[in-house]
Amino acid sequence: MVKIQMSYEYDFDIKKEYTTIEVAEILGVSSRYVQRLLKQGKIEFLHKATTRTGGHIISGKMIVDFIIRYQLTKGTVIKVS
């Protein structure tokens, strides 16, 4: 379990894999926004989902990497536990 504490607190398992919708819930944004971040290469993904809706599979580590990159550009202090 990873807890990243900033102005927001994200709570998810770094070893788990997540769908686009789950990542949107974790980050508190829409799935459409996550899809845009994926298309822009701002969030990396493991592979495309094999479901009929497509989507992407994103590891917890990739979510952490995105959060850290995004928050560092804003000059936010990050505490990871």
PDB file of N, CA and C in Angstrom:
ATOM      1  N   MET A   1       0.848  -1.174   0.000  1.00  0.00           N
ATOM      2  CA  MET A   1       0.000   0.000   0.000  1.00  0.00           C
ATOM      3  C   MET A   1       0.892   1.235   0.000  1.00  0.00           C
ATOM      4  N   VAL A   2       0.568   2.175  -0.843  1.00  0.00           N
ATOM      5  CA  VAL A   2       1.328   3.418  -0.928  1.00  0.00           C
ATOM      6  C   VAL A   2       0.434   4.558  -0.487  1.00  0.00           C
ATOM      7  N   LYS A   3       0.937   5.402   0.367  1.00  0.00           N
ATOM      8  CA  LYS A   3       0.219   6.619   0.728  1.00  0.00           C
ATOM      9  C   LYS A   3       1.096   7.791   0.315  1.00  0.00           C
ATOM     10  N   ILE A   4       0.571   8.603  -0.564  1.00  0.00           N
ATOM     11  CA  ILE A   4       1.281   9.797  -0.999  1.00  0.00           C
ATOM     12  C   ILE A   4       0.516  10.970  -0.415  1.00  0.00           C
ATOM     13  N   GLN A   5       1.207  11.775   0.364  1.00  0.00           N
ATOM     14  CA  GLN A   5       0.529  12.855   1.051  1.00  0.00           C
ATOM     15  C   GLN A   5       1.008  14.192   0.507  1.00  0.00           C
ATOM     16  N   MET A   6       0.085  14.926  -0.033  1.00  0.00           N
ATOM     17  CA  MET A   6       0.342  16.275  -0.532  1.00  0.00           C
ATOM     18  C   MET A   6      -0.875  17.084  -0.137  1.00  0.00           C
ATOM     19  N   SER A   7      -1.316  17.944  -1.030  1.00  0.00           N
ATOM     20  CA  SER A   7      -2.564  18.628  -0.761  1.00  0.00           C
ATOM     21  C   SER A   7      -3.721  17.644  -0.907  1.00  0.00           C
ATOM     22  N   TYR A   8      -3.462  16.530  -1.575  1.00  0.00           N
ATOM     23  CA  TYR A   8      -4.426  15.443  -1.701  1.00  0.00           C
ATOM     24  C   TYR A   8      -3.769  14.187  -1.165  1.00  0.00           C
ATOM     25  N   GLU A   9      -4.577  13.231  -0.766  1.00  0.00           N
ATOM     26  CA  GLU A   9      -4.032  11.949  -0.343  1.00  0.00           C
ATOM     27  C   GLU A   9      -4.543  10.877  -1.292  1.00  0.00           C
ATOM     28  N   TYR A  10      -3.620  10.133  -1.872  1.00  0.00           N
ATOM     29  CA  TYR A  10      -3.955   9.047  -2.779  1.00  0.00           C
ATOM     30  C   TYR A  10      -3.700   7.744  -2.044  1.00  0.00           C
ATOM     31  N   ASP A  11      -4.627   6.819  -2.135  1.00  0.00           N
ATOM     32  CA  ASP A  11      -4.486   5.563  -1.421  1.00  0.00           C
ATOM     33  C   ASP A  11      -4.731   4.416  -2.400  1.00  0.00           C
ATOM     34  N   PHE A  12      -3.668   3.710  -2.761  1.00  0.00           N
ATOM     35  CA  PHE A  12      -3.778   2.586  -3.681  1.00  0.00           C
ATOM     36  C   PHE A  12      -2.567   1.679  -3.516  1.00  0.00           C
ATOM     37  N   ASP A  13      -2.648   0.481  -4.079  1.00  0.00           N
ATOM     38  CA  ASP A  13      -1.592  -0.518  -3.961  1.00  0.00           C
ATOM     39  C   ASP A  13      -0.627  -0.368  -5.139  1.00  0.00           C
ATOM     40  N   ILE A  14       0.627  -0.091  -4.841  1.00  0.00           N
ATOM     41  CA  ILE A  14       1.632   0.131  -5.886  1.00  0.00           C
ATOM     42  C   ILE A  14       1.881  -1.135  -6.714  1.00  0.00           C
ATOM     43  N   LYS A  15       1.579  -2.311  -6.158  1.00  0.00           N
ATOM     44  CA  LYS A  15       1.847  -3.572  -6.857  1.00  0.00           C
ATOM     45  C   LYS A  15       0.675  -4.039  -7.712  1.00  0.00           C
ATOM     46  N   LYS A  16      -0.439  -3.350  -7.636  1.00  0.00           N
ATOM     47  CA  LYS A  16      -1.640  -3.752  -8.361  1.00  0.00           C
ATOM     48  C   LYS A  16      -1.687  -3.091  -9.741  1.00  0.00           C
ATOM     49  N   GLU A  17      -2.478  -3.670 -10.635  1.00  0.00           N
ATOM     50  CA  GLU A  17      -2.713  -3.082 -11.956  1.00  0.00           C
ATOM     51  C   GLU A  17      -4.121  -2.519 -11.990  1.00  0.00           C
ATOM     52  N   TYR A  18      -4.296  -1.382 -12.653  1.00  0.00           N
ATOM     53  CA  TYR A  18      -5.563  -0.667 -12.646  1.00  0.00           C
ATOM     54  C   TYR A  18      -6.046  -0.376 -14.063  1.00  0.00           C
ATOM     55  N   THR A  19      -7.363  -0.283 -14.199  1.00  0.00           N
ATOM     56  CA  THR A  19      -7.956   0.124 -15.473  1.00  0.00           C
ATOM     57  C   THR A  19      -7.982   1.651 -15.539  1.00  0.00           C
ATOM     58  N   THR A  20      -8.296   2.160 -16.701  1.00  0.00           N
ATOM     59  CA  THR A  20      -8.401   3.609 -16.885  1.00  0.00           C
ATOM     60  C   THR A  20      -9.428   4.199 -15.921  1.00  0.00           C
ATOM     61  N   ILE A  21     -10.548   3.529 -15.760  1.00  0.00           N
ATOM     62  CA  ILE A  21     -11.605   4.025 -14.866  1.00  0.00           C
ATOM     63  C   ILE A  21     -11.128   4.041 -13.417  1.00  0.00           C
ATOM     64  N   GLU A  22     -10.422   3.002 -13.001  1.00  0.00           N
ATOM     65  CA  GLU A  22      -9.904   2.958 -11.627  1.00  0.00           C
ATOM     66  C   GLU A  22      -8.873   4.058 -11.389  1.00  0.00           C
ATOM     67  N   VAL A  23      -8.029   4.313 -12.382  1.00  0.00           N
ATOM     68  CA  VAL A  23      -7.025   5.378 -12.257  1.00  0.00           C
ATOM     69  C   VAL A  23      -7.735   6.726 -12.128  1.00  0.00           C
ATOM     70  N   ALA A  24      -8.782   6.924 -12.898  1.00  0.00           N
ATOM     71  CA  ALA A  24      -9.551   8.168 -12.812  1.00  0.00           C
ATOM     72  C   ALA A  24     -10.114   8.352 -11.400  1.00  0.00           C
ATOM     73  N   GLU A  25     -10.619   7.277 -10.819  1.00  0.00           N
ATOM     74  CA  GLU A  25     -11.150   7.347  -9.451  1.00  0.00           C
ATOM     75  C   GLU A  25     -10.049   7.664  -8.445  1.00  0.00           C
ATOM     76  N   ILE A  26      -8.895   7.045  -8.610  1.00  0.00           N
ATOM     77  CA  ILE A  26      -7.768   7.291  -7.705  1.00  0.00           C
ATOM     78  C   ILE A  26      -7.339   8.753  -7.769  1.00  0.00           C
ATOM     79  N   LEU A  27      -7.242   9.283  -8.987  1.00  0.00           N
ATOM     80  CA  LEU A  27      -6.760  10.656  -9.169  1.00  0.00           C
ATOM     81  C   LEU A  27      -7.850  11.705  -8.971  1.00  0.00           C
ATOM     82  N   GLY A  28      -9.103  11.263  -8.936  1.00  0.00           N
ATOM     83  CA  GLY A  28     -10.205  12.206  -8.760  1.00  0.00           C
ATOM     84  C   GLY A  28     -10.503  13.014 -10.009  1.00  0.00           C
ATOM     85  N   VAL A  29     -10.327  12.379 -11.169  1.00  0.00           N
ATOM     86  CA  VAL A  29     -10.586  13.038 -12.453  1.00  0.00           C
ATOM     87  C   VAL A  29     -11.483  12.128 -13.295  1.00  0.00           C
ATOM     88  N   SER A  30     -11.892  12.601 -14.458  1.00  0.00           N
ATOM     89  CA  SER A  30     -12.727  11.774 -15.333  1.00  0.00           C
ATOM     90  C   SER A  30     -11.872  10.753 -16.088  1.00  0.00           C
ATOM     91  N   SER A  31     -12.512   9.675 -16.523  1.00  0.00           N
ATOM     92  CA  SER A  31     -11.782   8.675 -17.305  1.00  0.00           C
ATOM     93  C   SER A  31     -11.360   9.259 -18.656  1.00  0.00           C
ATOM     94  N   ARG A  32     -12.150  10.187 -19.179  1.00  0.00           N
ATOM     95  CA  ARG A  32     -11.788  10.854 -20.434  1.00  0.00           C
ATOM     96  C   ARG A  32     -10.471  11.633 -20.276  1.00  0.00           C
ATOM     97  N   TYR A  33     -10.297  12.278 -19.118  1.00  0.00           N
ATOM     98  CA  TYR A  33      -9.060  13.018 -18.848  1.00  0.00           C
ATOM     99  C   TYR A  33      -7.870  12.057 -18.754  1.00  0.00           C
ATOM    100  N   VAL A  34      -8.067  10.915 -18.105  1.00  0.00           N
ATOM    101  CA  VAL A  34      -6.997   9.912 -18.015  1.00  0.00           C
ATOM    102  C   VAL A  34      -6.645   9.423 -19.415  1.00  0.00           C
ATOM    103  N   GLN A  35      -7.651   9.192 -20.254  1.00  0.00           N
ATOM    104  CA  GLN A  35      -7.391   8.769 -21.629  1.00  0.00           C
ATOM    105  C   GLN A  35      -6.572   9.818 -22.381  1.00  0.00           C
ATOM    106  N   ARG A  36      -6.867  11.087 -22.144  1.00  0.00           N
ATOM    107  CA  ARG A  36      -6.098  12.167 -22.772  1.00  0.00           C
ATOM    108  C   ARG A  36      -4.647  12.149 -22.287  1.00  0.00           C
ATOM    109  N   LEU A  37      -4.446  11.942 -20.973  1.00  0.00           N
ATOM    110  CA  LEU A  37      -3.082  11.864 -20.423  1.00  0.00           C
ATOM    111  C   LEU A  37      -2.317  10.686 -21.021  1.00  0.00           C
ATOM    112  N   LEU A  38      -3.007   9.562 -21.211  1.00  0.00           N
ATOM    113  CA  LEU A  38      -2.379   8.395 -21.834  1.00  0.00           C
ATOM    114  C   LEU A  38      -1.983   8.704 -23.276  1.00  0.00           C
ATOM    115  N   LYS A  39      -2.875   9.329 -24.009  1.00  0.00           N
ATOM    116  CA  LYS A  39      -2.612   9.662 -25.415  1.00  0.00           C
ATOM    117  C   LYS A  39      -1.436  10.628 -25.537  1.00  0.00           C
ATOM    118  N   GLN A  40      -1.328  11.549 -24.585  1.00  0.00           N
ATOM    119  CA  GLN A  40      -0.232  12.528 -24.587  1.00  0.00           C
ATOM    120  C   GLN A  40       1.066  11.946 -24.045  1.00  0.00           C
ATOM    121  N   GLY A  41       1.012  10.722 -23.537  1.00  0.00           N
ATOM    122  CA  GLY A  41       2.212  10.084 -22.997  1.00  0.00           C
ATOM    123  C   GLY A  41       2.573  10.551 -21.598  1.00  0.00           C
ATOM    124  N   LYS A  42       1.659  11.233 -20.926  1.00  0.00           N
ATOM    125  CA  LYS A  42       1.941  11.730 -19.578  1.00  0.00           C
ATOM    126  C   LYS A  42       1.787  10.647 -18.522  1.00  0.00           C
ATOM    127  N   ILE A  43       0.968   9.637 -18.820  1.00  0.00           N
ATOM    128  CA  ILE A  43       0.866   8.444 -17.974  1.00  0.00           C
ATOM    129  C   ILE A  43       1.258   7.263 -18.855  1.00  0.00           C
ATOM    130  N   GLU A  44       2.182   6.469 -18.363  1.00  0.00           N
ATOM    131  CA  GLU A  44       2.579   5.269 -19.097  1.00  0.00           C
ATOM    132  C   GLU A  44       1.585   4.152 -18.780  1.00  0.00           C
ATOM    133  N   PHE A  45       1.542   3.136 -19.635  1.00  0.00           N
ATOM    134  CA  PHE A  45       0.660   2.006 -19.380  1.00  0.00           C
ATOM    135  C   PHE A  45       1.378   0.708 -19.715  1.00  0.00           C
ATOM    136  N   LEU A  46       0.908  -0.382 -19.109  1.00  0.00           N
ATOM    137  CA  LEU A  46       1.512  -1.696 -19.334  1.00  0.00           C
ATOM    138  C   LEU A  46       1.094  -2.256 -20.686  1.00  0.00           C
ATOM    139  N   HIS A  47      -0.217  -2.258 -20.932  1.00  0.00           N
ATOM    140  CA  HIS A  47      -0.746  -2.777 -22.188  1.00  0.00           C
ATOM    141  C   HIS A  47      -2.197  -2.362 -22.317  1.00  0.00           C
ATOM    142  N   LYS A  48      -2.736  -2.540 -23.495  1.00  0.00           N
ATOM    143  CA  LYS A  48      -4.153  -2.261 -23.702  1.00  0.00           C
ATOM    144  C   LYS A  48      -4.955  -3.412 -23.108  1.00  0.00           C
ATOM    145  N   ALA A  49      -6.099  -3.086 -22.571  1.00  0.00           N
ATOM    146  CA  ALA A  49      -6.966  -4.102 -21.969  1.00  0.00           C
ATOM    147  C   ALA A  49      -7.545  -5.004 -23.048  1.00  0.00           C
ATOM    148  N   THR A  50      -7.857  -6.205 -22.674  1.00  0.00           N
ATOM    149  CA  THR A  50      -8.408  -7.157 -23.637  1.00  0.00           C
ATOM    150  C   THR A  50      -9.936  -7.146 -23.631  1.00  0.00           C
ATOM    151  N   THR A  51     -10.534  -6.212 -22.923  1.00  0.00           N
ATOM    152  CA  THR A  51     -11.990  -6.110 -22.900  1.00  0.00           C
ATOM    153  C   THR A  51     -12.487  -5.461 -24.181  1.00  0.00           C
ATOM    154  N   ARG A  52     -13.779  -5.559 -24.426  1.00  0.00           N
ATOM    155  CA  ARG A  52     -14.311  -4.981 -25.663  1.00  0.00           C
ATOM    156  C   ARG A  52     -14.277  -3.460 -25.655  1.00  0.00           C
ATOM    157  N   THR A  53     -14.175  -2.859 -24.473  1.00  0.00           N
ATOM    158  CA  THR A  53     -14.109  -1.401 -24.401  1.00  0.00           C
ATOM    159  C   THR A  53     -12.697  -0.880 -24.664  1.00  0.00           C
ATOM    160  N   GLY A  54     -11.741  -1.786 -24.773  1.00  0.00           N
ATOM    161  CA  GLY A  54     -10.363  -1.342 -24.990  1.00  0.00           C
ATOM    162  C   GLY A  54      -9.749  -0.907 -23.690  1.00  0.00           C
ATOM    163  N   GLY A  55      -9.455   0.362 -23.553  1.00  0.00           N
ATOM    164  CA  GLY A  55      -8.867   0.873 -22.323  1.00  0.00           C
ATOM    165  C   GLY A  55      -7.413   0.471 -22.186  1.00  0.00           C
ATOM    166  N   HIS A  56      -6.842   0.809 -21.073  1.00  0.00           N
ATOM    167  CA  HIS A  56      -5.443   0.530 -20.801  1.00  0.00           C
ATOM    168  C   HIS A  56      -5.307  -0.047 -19.406  1.00  0.00           C
ATOM    169  N   ILE A  57      -4.246  -0.785 -19.185  1.00  0.00           N
ATOM    170  CA  ILE A  57      -3.899  -1.304 -17.874  1.00  0.00           C
ATOM    171  C   ILE A  57      -2.662  -0.546 -17.397  1.00  0.00           C
ATOM    172  N   ILE A  58      -2.776   0.035 -16.210  1.00  0.00           N
ATOM    173  CA  ILE A  58      -1.736   0.912 -15.673  1.00  0.00           C
ATOM    174  C   ILE A  58      -1.315   0.370 -14.308  1.00  0.00           C
ATOM    175  N   SER A  59      -0.022   0.260 -14.089  1.00  0.00           N
ATOM    176  CA  SER A  59       0.461  -0.253 -12.803  1.00  0.00           C
ATOM    177  C   SER A  59       0.436   0.850 -11.745  1.00  0.00           C
ATOM    178  N   GLY A  60       0.374   0.422 -10.487  1.00  0.00           N
ATOM    179  CA  GLY A  60       0.431   1.377  -9.385  1.00  0.00           C
ATOM    180  C   GLY A  60       1.698   2.204  -9.432  1.00  0.00           C
ATOM    181  N   LYS A  61       2.803   1.588  -9.826  1.00  0.00           N
ATOM    182  CA  LYS A  61       4.082   2.315  -9.937  1.00  0.00           C
ATOM    183  C   LYS A  61       3.980   3.431 -10.966  1.00  0.00           C
ATOM    184  N   MET A  62       3.289   3.163 -12.058  1.00  0.00           N
ATOM    185  CA  MET A  62       3.130   4.185 -13.100  1.00  0.00           C
ATOM    186  C   MET A  62       2.268   5.345 -12.612  1.00  0.00           C
ATOM    187  N   ILE A  63       1.297   5.031 -11.751  1.00  0.00           N
ATOM    188  CA  ILE A  63       0.481   6.098 -11.163  1.00  0.00           C
ATOM    189  C   ILE A  63       1.348   6.963 -10.262  1.00  0.00           C
ATOM    190  N   VAL A  64       2.172   6.316  -9.428  1.00  0.00           N
ATOM    191  CA  VAL A  64       3.076   7.061  -8.548  1.00  0.00           C
ATOM    192  C   VAL A  64       4.003   7.946  -9.378  1.00  0.00           C
ATOM    193  N   ASP A  65       4.586   7.388 -10.436  1.00  0.00           N
ATOM    194  CA  ASP A  65       5.481   8.164 -11.294  1.00  0.00           C
ATOM    195  C   ASP A  65       4.772   9.396 -11.851  1.00  0.00           C
ATOM    196  N   PHE A  66       3.531   9.221 -12.302  1.00  0.00           N
ATOM    197  CA  PHE A  66       2.774  10.348 -12.836  1.00  0.00           C
ATOM    198  C   PHE A  66       2.526  11.396 -11.754  1.00  0.00           C
ATOM    199  N   ILE A  67       2.079  10.959 -10.580  1.00  0.00           N
ATOM    200  CA  ILE A  67       1.772  11.904  -9.504  1.00  0.00           C
ATOM    201  C   ILE A  67       3.013  12.691  -9.122  1.00  0.00           C
ATOM    202  N   ILE A  68       4.135  12.017  -8.994  1.00  0.00           N
ATOM    203  CA  ILE A  68       5.373  12.702  -8.607  1.00  0.00           C
ATOM    204  C   ILE A  68       5.794  13.704  -9.683  1.00  0.00           C
ATOM    205  N   ARG A  69       5.786  13.289 -10.938  1.00  0.00           N
ATOM    206  CA  ARG A  69       6.153  14.219 -12.027  1.00  0.00           C
ATOM    207  C   ARG A  69       5.220  15.418 -12.058  1.00  0.00           C
ATOM    208  N   TYR A  70       3.932  15.181 -11.944  1.00  0.00           N
ATOM    209  CA  TYR A  70       2.941  16.244 -12.014  1.00  0.00           C
ATOM    210  C   TYR A  70       3.090  17.205 -10.845  1.00  0.00           C
ATOM    211  N   GLN A  71       3.244  16.682  -9.640  1.00  0.00           N
ATOM    212  CA  GLN A  71       3.339  17.533  -8.460  1.00  0.00           C
ATOM    213  C   GLN A  71       4.672  18.272  -8.389  1.00  0.00           C
ATOM    214  N   LEU A  72       5.755  17.638  -8.859  1.00  0.00           N
ATOM    215  CA  LEU A  72       7.048  18.322  -8.839  1.00  0.00           C
ATOM    216  C   LEU A  72       7.051  19.541  -9.748  1.00  0.00           C
ATOM    217  N   THR A  73       6.308  19.481 -10.846  1.00  0.00           N
ATOM    218  CA  THR A  73       6.240  20.643 -11.725  1.00  0.00           C
ATOM    219  C   THR A  73       5.493  21.787 -11.060  1.00  0.00           C
ATOM    220  N   LYS A  74       4.697  21.481 -10.057  1.00  0.00           N
ATOM    221  CA  LYS A  74       3.949  22.502  -9.333  1.00  0.00           C
ATOM    222  C   LYS A  74       4.685  22.955  -8.064  1.00  0.00           C
ATOM    223  N   GLY A  75       5.872  22.366  -7.797  1.00  0.00           N
ATOM    224  CA  GLY A  75       6.657  22.744  -6.633  1.00  0.00           C
ATOM    225  C   GLY A  75       6.066  22.252  -5.309  1.00  0.00           C
ATOM    226  N   THR A  76       5.306  21.177  -5.346  1.00  0.00           N
ATOM    227  CA  THR A  76       4.671  20.641  -4.157  1.00  0.00           C
ATOM    228  C   THR A  76       5.603  19.694  -3.415  1.00  0.00           C
ATOM    229  N   VAL A  77       5.596  19.753  -2.110  1.00  0.00           N
ATOM    230  CA  VAL A  77       6.386  18.822  -1.297  1.00  0.00           C
ATOM    231  C   VAL A  77       5.627  17.499  -1.253  1.00  0.00           C
ATOM    232  N   ILE A  78       6.361  16.409  -1.469  1.00  0.00           N
ATOM    233  CA  ILE A  78       5.735  15.086  -1.526  1.00  0.00           C
ATOM    234  C   ILE A  78       6.295  14.215  -0.414  1.00  0.00           C
ATOM    235  N   LYS A  79       5.397  13.508   0.257  1.00  0.00           N
ATOM    236  CA  LYS A  79       5.786  12.568   1.303  1.00  0.00           C
ATOM    237  C   LYS A  79       5.188  11.218   0.924  1.00  0.00           C
ATOM    238  N   VAL A  80       6.031  10.238   0.627  1.00  0.00           N
ATOM    239  CA  VAL A  80       5.571   8.904   0.234  1.00  0.00           C
ATOM    240  C   VAL A  80       5.853   7.939   1.377  1.00  0.00           C
ATOM    241  N   SER A  81       4.832   7.162   1.739  1.00  0.00           N
ATOM    242  CA  SER A  81       5.046   6.171   2.804  1.00  0.00           C
ATOM    243  C   SER A  81       4.501   4.835   2.387  1.00  0.00           C
TER     244      SER A  81
END
